């Protein structure tokens, strides 16, 4: 049995790190919710999909 798991940094992880660094050093003057968007948007999409699937299957 072989497991095919990937580890490492994804594009969104890299984007989040870049945005945070830019915010800390003052390159961008975005609000924190925008800076952290690469982290929370995929989670929010997953939650919405879960809810839609749960409603569709009920």
C-alpha atoms as a PDB file:
ATOM      1  CA  UNK A   1       0.000   0.000   0.000  1.00  0.00           C
ATOM      2  CA  UNK A   2       1.575   3.287  -1.035  1.00  0.00           C
ATOM      3  CA  UNK A   3       0.550   6.660   0.200  1.00  0.00           C
ATOM      4  CA  UNK A   4       0.810   9.522  -2.222  1.00  0.00           C
ATOM      5  CA  UNK A   5       1.047  12.533   0.059  1.00  0.00           C
ATOM      6  CA  UNK A   6       2.578  15.839  -0.762  1.00  0.00           C
ATOM      7  CA  UNK A   7       4.376  17.989   1.711  1.00  0.00           C
ATOM      8  CA  UNK A   8       5.879  21.389   1.282  1.00  0.00           C
ATOM      9  CA  UNK A   9       4.798  24.922   0.626  1.00  0.00           C
ATOM     10  CA  UNK A  10       1.970  25.618  -1.788  1.00  0.00           C
ATOM     11  CA  UNK A  11       1.472  28.675  -3.943  1.00  0.00           C
ATOM     12  CA  UNK A  12      -1.096  30.114  -1.528  1.00  0.00           C
ATOM     13  CA  UNK A  13       1.252  29.524   1.426  1.00  0.00           C
ATOM     14  CA  UNK A  14       4.018  31.389  -0.375  1.00  0.00           C
ATOM     15  CA  UNK A  15       1.623  34.187  -1.291  1.00  0.00           C
ATOM     16  CA  UNK A  16       0.498  34.513   2.334  1.00  0.00           C
ATOM     17  CA  UNK A  17       4.103  34.691   3.567  1.00  0.00           C
ATOM     18  CA  UNK A  18       4.896  37.342   0.949  1.00  0.00           C
ATOM     19  CA  UNK A  19       1.822  39.422   1.841  1.00  0.00           C
ATOM     20  CA  UNK A  20       2.632  39.228   5.564  1.00  0.00           C
ATOM     21  CA  UNK A  21       6.237  40.264   4.933  1.00  0.00           C
ATOM     22  CA  UNK A  22       5.125  43.147   2.713  1.00  0.00           C
ATOM     23  CA  UNK A  23       2.677  44.312   5.391  1.00  0.00           C
ATOM     24  CA  UNK A  24       5.278  44.118   8.181  1.00  0.00           C
ATOM     25  CA  UNK A  25       7.951  46.064   6.282  1.00  0.00           C
ATOM     26  CA  UNK A  26       5.429  48.630   5.066  1.00  0.00           C
ATOM     27  CA  UNK A  27       5.457  47.885   1.328  1.00  0.00           C
ATOM     28  CA  UNK A  28       1.655  47.609   1.289  1.00  0.00           C
ATOM     29  CA  UNK A  29      -0.923  49.390   3.406  1.00  0.00           C
ATOM     30  CA  UNK A  30      -3.624  46.751   3.143  1.00  0.00           C
ATOM     31  CA  UNK A  31      -5.848  45.746   6.062  1.00  0.00           C
ATOM     32  CA  UNK A  32      -4.883  42.488   7.744  1.00  0.00           C
ATOM     33  CA  UNK A  33      -7.968  40.651   6.475  1.00  0.00           C
ATOM     34  CA  UNK A  34      -6.717  41.247   2.905  1.00  0.00           C
ATOM     35  CA  UNK A  35      -3.165  40.217   3.797  1.00  0.00           C
ATOM     36  CA  UNK A  36      -4.411  36.943   5.284  1.00  0.00           C
ATOM     37  CA  UNK A  37      -6.825  36.222   2.427  1.00  0.00           C
ATOM     38  CA  UNK A  38      -4.667  33.434   0.884  1.00  0.00           C
ATOM     39  CA  UNK A  39      -5.078  31.550   4.174  1.00  0.00           C
ATOM     40  CA  UNK A  40      -8.790  31.931   4.897  1.00  0.00           C
ATOM     41  CA  UNK A  41     -10.353  31.943   1.407  1.00  0.00           C
ATOM     42  CA  UNK A  42      -9.630  28.244   0.641  1.00  0.00           C
ATOM     43  CA  UNK A  43     -11.009  27.345   4.074  1.00  0.00           C
ATOM     44  CA  UNK A  44     -14.143  29.425   3.453  1.00  0.00           C
ATOM     45  CA  UNK A  45     -14.648  27.806   0.038  1.00  0.00           C
ATOM     46  CA  UNK A  46     -14.391  24.379   1.667  1.00  0.00           C
ATOM     47  CA  UNK A  47     -16.964  25.295   4.296  1.00  0.00           C
ATOM     48  CA  UNK A  48     -19.374  26.619   1.658  1.00  0.00           C
ATOM     49  CA  UNK A  49     -18.939  23.479  -0.456  1.00  0.00           C
ATOM     50  CA  UNK A  50     -19.539  21.292   2.587  1.00  0.00           C
ATOM     51  CA  UNK A  51     -22.757  23.151   3.401  1.00  0.00           C
ATOM     52  CA  UNK A  52     -23.981  23.008  -0.215  1.00  0.00           C
ATOM     53  CA  UNK A  53     -23.272  19.263  -0.435  1.00  0.00           C
ATOM     54  CA  UNK A  54     -24.933  18.637   2.928  1.00  0.00           C
ATOM     55  CA  UNK A  55     -28.048  20.526   1.842  1.00  0.00           C
ATOM     56  CA  UNK A  56     -28.133  18.810  -1.549  1.00  0.00           C
ATOM     57  CA  UNK A  57     -27.930  15.352   0.053  1.00  0.00           C
ATOM     58  CA  UNK A  58     -30.667  15.962   2.607  1.00  0.00           C
END
